[in-house]
Amino acid sequence: MPNITVSQLEALRQHLDQAAADSDWDRLQQLDQTLQKVLRNLKGTQLTEDHVQALAHLKSSHQTAIAAVNAAKDKLQQDMNAVGEGKEGLLAYQMAMNMEL
């Protein structure tokens, strides 16, 4: 018998969805760690059909959360690259201005 209820799995899924929607990366990390513990504890346990279904929904939410994290990471990388390019342009401008003096 699983040591976690279907409603607890559903609550975990809802928390995961909310953290991803809020871009709450720290909370997502905590929930991911919780999910890893839950899955380790369920390993080798005879699951009910309801548990299997709840875990499938949880897996889908987890994949959506991973996609949100990856999208935010890509956006951050683009922003950092843009700042770097802007800094290079500013330095070039400053050097050109210094040459004119």
N, C-alpha and C. Protein backbone atom coordinates (compact mmCIF):
# COMPACT_ATOMS: atom_id res chain seq x y z
N MET A 1 0.83 -1.18 0.00
CA MET A 1 0.00 0.00 0.00
C MET A 1 0.88 1.25 0.00
N PRO A 2 0.63 2.20 -0.90
CA PRO A 2 1.44 3.43 -0.96
C PRO A 2 1.34 4.24 0.33
N ASN A 3 2.45 4.90 0.68
CA ASN A 3 2.47 5.69 1.91
C ASN A 3 2.08 7.15 1.66
N ILE A 4 1.53 7.43 0.49
CA ILE A 4 1.04 8.76 0.16
C ILE A 4 -0.33 8.61 -0.49
N THR A 5 -1.22 9.51 -0.15
CA THR A 5 -2.57 9.40 -0.68
C THR A 5 -2.67 10.05 -2.06
N VAL A 6 -3.71 9.70 -2.76
CA VAL A 6 -3.97 10.30 -4.08
C VAL A 6 -4.17 11.81 -3.92
N SER A 7 -4.86 12.22 -2.87
CA SER A 7 -5.09 13.65 -2.66
C SER A 7 -3.79 14.39 -2.36
N GLN A 8 -2.85 13.73 -1.71
CA GLN A 8 -1.54 14.36 -1.47
C GLN A 8 -0.77 14.51 -2.78
N LEU A 9 -0.87 13.51 -3.65
CA LEU A 9 -0.23 13.62 -4.96
C LEU A 9 -0.86 14.75 -5.77
N GLU A 10 -2.18 14.87 -5.69
CA GLU A 10 -2.89 15.93 -6.39
C GLU A 10 -2.48 17.30 -5.84
N ALA A 11 -2.34 17.42 -4.53
CA ALA A 11 -1.91 18.68 -3.91
C ALA A 11 -0.50 19.04 -4.37
N LEU A 12 0.37 18.06 -4.44
CA LEU A 12 1.73 18.29 -4.92
C LEU A 12 1.71 18.79 -6.36
N ARG A 13 0.85 18.20 -7.17
CA ARG A 13 0.71 18.64 -8.57
C ARG A 13 0.23 20.08 -8.64
N GLN A 14 -0.75 20.42 -7.81
CA GLN A 14 -1.27 21.78 -7.82
C GLN A 14 -0.22 22.79 -7.38
N HIS A 15 0.56 22.42 -6.37
CA HIS A 15 1.65 23.30 -5.92
C HIS A 15 2.69 23.48 -7.02
N LEU A 16 2.99 22.41 -7.71
CA LEU A 16 3.95 22.45 -8.81
C LEU A 16 3.44 23.37 -9.92
N ASP A 17 2.17 23.22 -10.28
CA ASP A 17 1.58 24.07 -11.31
C ASP A 17 1.61 25.55 -10.90
N GLN A 18 1.28 25.81 -9.64
CA GLN A 18 1.24 27.19 -9.17
C GLN A 18 2.64 27.81 -9.14
N ALA A 19 3.62 27.06 -8.68
CA ALA A 19 4.99 27.58 -8.64
C ALA A 19 5.51 27.86 -10.04
N ALA A 20 5.18 27.01 -10.99
CA ALA A 20 5.61 27.24 -12.37
C ALA A 20 4.90 28.47 -12.94
N ALA A 21 3.61 28.62 -12.66
CA ALA A 21 2.85 29.77 -13.15
C ALA A 21 3.39 31.07 -12.54
N ASP A 22 3.84 31.00 -11.30
CA ASP A 22 4.36 32.18 -10.60
C ASP A 22 5.84 32.43 -10.88
N SER A 23 6.47 31.55 -11.65
CA SER A 23 7.92 31.61 -11.88
C SER A 23 8.68 31.63 -10.54
N ASP A 24 8.20 30.85 -9.61
CA ASP A 24 8.81 30.75 -8.28
C ASP A 24 9.83 29.61 -8.31
N TRP A 25 11.02 29.93 -8.77
CA TRP A 25 12.03 28.91 -9.03
C TRP A 25 12.50 28.23 -7.75
N ASP A 26 12.60 28.98 -6.66
CA ASP A 26 13.01 28.36 -5.39
C ASP A 26 11.97 27.33 -4.93
N ARG A 27 10.71 27.70 -5.04
CA ARG A 27 9.63 26.78 -4.66
C ARG A 27 9.62 25.55 -5.56
N LEU A 28 9.86 25.78 -6.85
CA LEU A 28 9.92 24.64 -7.78
C LEU A 28 11.04 23.68 -7.40
N GLN A 29 12.15 24.23 -7.00
CA GLN A 29 13.27 23.37 -6.59
C GLN A 29 12.90 22.54 -5.36
N GLN A 30 12.23 23.18 -4.39
CA GLN A 30 11.80 22.46 -3.19
C GLN A 30 10.80 21.36 -3.56
N LEU A 31 9.86 21.70 -4.43
CA LEU A 31 8.85 20.71 -4.83
C LEU A 31 9.48 19.57 -5.61
N ASP A 32 10.47 19.87 -6.43
CA ASP A 32 11.16 18.83 -7.18
C ASP A 32 11.86 17.86 -6.21
N GLN A 33 12.48 18.40 -5.18
CA GLN A 33 13.13 17.54 -4.19
C GLN A 33 12.10 16.68 -3.45
N THR A 34 10.96 17.28 -3.13
CA THR A 34 9.89 16.53 -2.49
C THR A 34 9.40 15.41 -3.39
N LEU A 35 9.23 15.75 -4.66
CA LEU A 35 8.77 14.75 -5.63
C LEU A 35 9.76 13.60 -5.74
N GLN A 36 11.04 13.90 -5.74
CA GLN A 36 12.05 12.84 -5.81
C GLN A 36 11.93 11.89 -4.61
N LYS A 37 11.71 12.47 -3.42
CA LYS A 37 11.55 11.64 -2.22
C LYS A 37 10.30 10.76 -2.32
N VAL A 38 9.22 11.37 -2.79
CA VAL A 38 7.96 10.62 -2.94
C VAL A 38 8.16 9.44 -3.88
N LEU A 39 8.79 9.71 -5.01
CA LEU A 39 9.00 8.65 -6.00
C LEU A 39 9.91 7.55 -5.47
N ARG A 40 10.95 7.93 -4.71
CA ARG A 40 11.82 6.91 -4.11
C ARG A 40 11.02 6.04 -3.13
N ASN A 41 10.15 6.68 -2.35
CA ASN A 41 9.35 5.93 -1.38
C ASN A 41 8.31 5.03 -2.05
N LEU A 42 7.87 5.41 -3.23
CA LEU A 42 6.87 4.61 -3.94
C LEU A 42 7.49 3.45 -4.73
N LYS A 43 8.79 3.51 -4.93
CA LYS A 43 9.46 2.47 -5.71
C LYS A 43 9.23 1.10 -5.07
N GLY A 44 8.77 0.18 -5.89
CA GLY A 44 8.52 -1.18 -5.43
C GLY A 44 7.20 -1.36 -4.71
N THR A 45 6.41 -0.30 -4.64
CA THR A 45 5.11 -0.36 -3.97
C THR A 45 4.02 -0.71 -4.98
N GLN A 46 3.10 -1.52 -4.55
CA GLN A 46 1.95 -1.85 -5.39
C GLN A 46 1.01 -0.64 -5.42
N LEU A 47 0.86 -0.03 -6.59
CA LEU A 47 0.05 1.19 -6.72
C LEU A 47 -1.36 0.87 -7.18
N THR A 48 -2.29 1.64 -6.66
CA THR A 48 -3.66 1.52 -7.13
C THR A 48 -3.78 2.25 -8.47
N GLU A 49 -4.84 2.00 -9.19
CA GLU A 49 -5.07 2.69 -10.46
C GLU A 49 -5.17 4.20 -10.24
N ASP A 50 -5.79 4.61 -9.13
CA ASP A 50 -5.89 6.03 -8.81
C ASP A 50 -4.52 6.66 -8.59
N HIS A 51 -3.63 5.93 -7.94
CA HIS A 51 -2.27 6.42 -7.74
C HIS A 51 -1.54 6.55 -9.08
N VAL A 52 -1.70 5.55 -9.92
CA VAL A 52 -1.04 5.58 -11.23
C VAL A 52 -1.52 6.79 -12.02
N GLN A 53 -2.81 7.04 -11.98
CA GLN A 53 -3.39 8.17 -12.70
C GLN A 53 -2.90 9.50 -12.12
N ALA A 54 -2.86 9.61 -10.80
CA ALA A 54 -2.38 10.83 -10.14
C ALA A 54 -0.91 11.07 -10.47
N LEU A 55 -0.12 10.00 -10.52
CA LEU A 55 1.29 10.13 -10.87
C LEU A 55 1.47 10.56 -12.33
N ALA A 56 0.59 10.10 -13.20
CA ALA A 56 0.66 10.52 -14.61
C ALA A 56 0.38 12.02 -14.73
N HIS A 57 -0.59 12.50 -13.98
CA HIS A 57 -0.89 13.95 -13.99
C HIS A 57 0.27 14.73 -13.40
N LEU A 58 0.86 14.19 -12.34
CA LEU A 58 2.00 14.84 -11.70
C LEU A 58 3.19 14.89 -12.67
N LYS A 59 3.40 13.82 -13.41
CA LYS A 59 4.48 13.78 -14.39
C LYS A 59 4.27 14.86 -15.46
N SER A 60 3.05 15.01 -15.92
CA SER A 60 2.74 16.01 -16.93
C SER A 60 3.02 17.42 -16.39
N SER A 61 2.61 17.67 -15.16
CA SER A 61 2.87 18.98 -14.54
C SER A 61 4.36 19.21 -14.36
N HIS A 62 5.08 18.17 -14.00
CA HIS A 62 6.53 18.28 -13.82
C HIS A 62 7.20 18.62 -15.15
N GLN A 63 6.77 17.98 -16.22
CA GLN A 63 7.33 18.28 -17.54
C GLN A 63 7.03 19.72 -17.96
N THR A 64 5.83 20.20 -17.63
CA THR A 64 5.47 21.58 -17.92
C THR A 64 6.35 22.54 -17.12
N ALA A 65 6.60 22.20 -15.86
CA ALA A 65 7.45 23.03 -15.01
C ALA A 65 8.88 23.06 -15.55
N ILE A 66 9.38 21.93 -15.99
CA ILE A 66 10.73 21.87 -16.58
C ILE A 66 10.80 22.75 -17.82
N ALA A 67 9.77 22.71 -18.64
CA ALA A 67 9.72 23.56 -19.84
C ALA A 67 9.73 25.04 -19.45
N ALA A 68 9.01 25.40 -18.39
CA ALA A 68 8.99 26.79 -17.92
C ALA A 68 10.36 27.22 -17.43
N VAL A 69 11.03 26.36 -16.70
CA VAL A 69 12.38 26.66 -16.21
C VAL A 69 13.33 26.84 -17.39
N ASN A 70 13.26 25.95 -18.36
CA ASN A 70 14.14 26.05 -19.53
C ASN A 70 13.87 27.32 -20.33
N ALA A 71 12.60 27.70 -20.46
CA ALA A 71 12.26 28.93 -21.18
C ALA A 71 12.80 30.15 -20.44
N ALA A 72 12.67 30.15 -19.12
CA ALA A 72 13.20 31.27 -18.32
C ALA A 72 14.72 31.32 -18.40
N LYS A 73 15.34 30.16 -18.41
CA LYS A 73 16.81 30.10 -18.52
C LYS A 73 17.26 30.65 -19.87
N ASP A 74 16.56 30.28 -20.93
CA ASP A 74 16.90 30.78 -22.27
C ASP A 74 16.70 32.29 -22.35
N LYS A 75 15.62 32.80 -21.75
CA LYS A 75 15.35 34.24 -21.74
C LYS A 75 16.43 34.98 -20.98
N LEU A 76 16.82 34.45 -19.85
CA LEU A 76 17.89 35.05 -19.06
C LEU A 76 19.19 35.07 -19.84
N GLN A 77 19.50 33.99 -20.55
CA GLN A 77 20.72 33.94 -21.35
C GLN A 77 20.68 35.00 -22.46
N GLN A 78 19.52 35.15 -23.08
CA GLN A 78 19.37 36.18 -24.12
C GLN A 78 19.57 37.57 -23.53
N ASP A 79 18.98 37.81 -22.37
CA ASP A 79 19.13 39.11 -21.71
C ASP A 79 20.58 39.38 -21.35
N MET A 80 21.26 38.35 -20.84
CA MET A 80 22.67 38.51 -20.49
C MET A 80 23.52 38.78 -21.73
N ASN A 81 23.21 38.09 -22.82
CA ASN A 81 23.93 38.34 -24.07
C ASN A 81 23.70 39.76 -24.56
N ALA A 82 22.47 40.24 -24.45
CA ALA A 82 22.14 41.60 -24.88
C ALA A 82 22.88 42.62 -24.04
N VAL A 83 22.97 42.39 -22.74
CA VAL A 83 23.71 43.29 -21.87
C VAL A 83 25.19 43.29 -22.26
N GLY A 84 25.71 42.10 -22.52
CA GLY A 84 27.11 42.00 -22.93
C GLY A 84 27.37 42.74 -24.23
N GLU A 85 26.47 42.61 -25.18
CA GLU A 85 26.62 43.31 -26.46
C GLU A 85 26.50 44.82 -26.26
N GLY A 86 25.60 45.23 -25.40
CA GLY A 86 25.45 46.65 -25.10
C GLY A 86 26.70 47.21 -24.43
N LYS A 87 27.29 46.42 -23.56
CA LYS A 87 28.51 46.84 -22.87
C LYS A 87 29.66 46.98 -23.86
N GLU A 88 29.75 46.04 -24.79
CA GLU A 88 30.80 46.12 -25.81
C GLU A 88 30.63 47.37 -26.66
N GLY A 89 29.39 47.69 -27.01
CA GLY A 89 29.11 48.89 -27.79
C GLY A 89 29.46 50.15 -27.03
N LEU A 90 29.14 50.18 -25.75
CA LEU A 90 29.46 51.32 -24.91
C LEU A 90 30.96 51.51 -24.79
N LEU A 91 31.68 50.41 -24.61
CA LEU A 91 33.15 50.50 -24.52
C LEU A 91 33.74 51.01 -25.83
N ALA A 92 33.22 50.53 -26.95
CA ALA A 92 33.70 51.01 -28.24
C ALA A 92 33.43 52.50 -28.41
N TYR A 93 32.25 52.94 -27.98
CA TYR A 93 31.90 54.35 -28.06
C TYR A 93 32.82 55.17 -27.18
N GLN A 94 33.09 54.70 -25.95
CA GLN A 94 33.96 55.43 -25.04
C GLN A 94 35.38 55.51 -25.62
N MET A 95 35.84 54.43 -26.22
CA MET A 95 37.18 54.45 -26.82
C MET A 95 37.24 55.45 -27.98
N ALA A 96 36.19 55.47 -28.79
CA ALA A 96 36.14 56.40 -29.92
C ALA A 96 36.13 57.84 -29.41
N MET A 97 35.38 58.10 -28.35
CA MET A 97 35.31 59.45 -27.78
C MET A 97 36.67 59.85 -27.21
N ASN A 98 37.36 58.92 -26.60
CA ASN A 98 38.69 59.22 -26.04
C ASN A 98 39.69 59.52 -27.15
N MET A 99 39.54 58.88 -28.28
CA MET A 99 40.45 59.11 -29.41
C MET A 99 40.25 60.51 -29.98
N GLU A 100 39.03 61.01 -29.92
CA GLU A 100 38.75 62.33 -30.47
C GLU A 100 39.29 63.43 -29.60
N LEU A 101 39.50 63.15 -28.31
CA LEU A 101 39.98 64.19 -27.39
C LEU A 101 41.42 64.39 -27.53
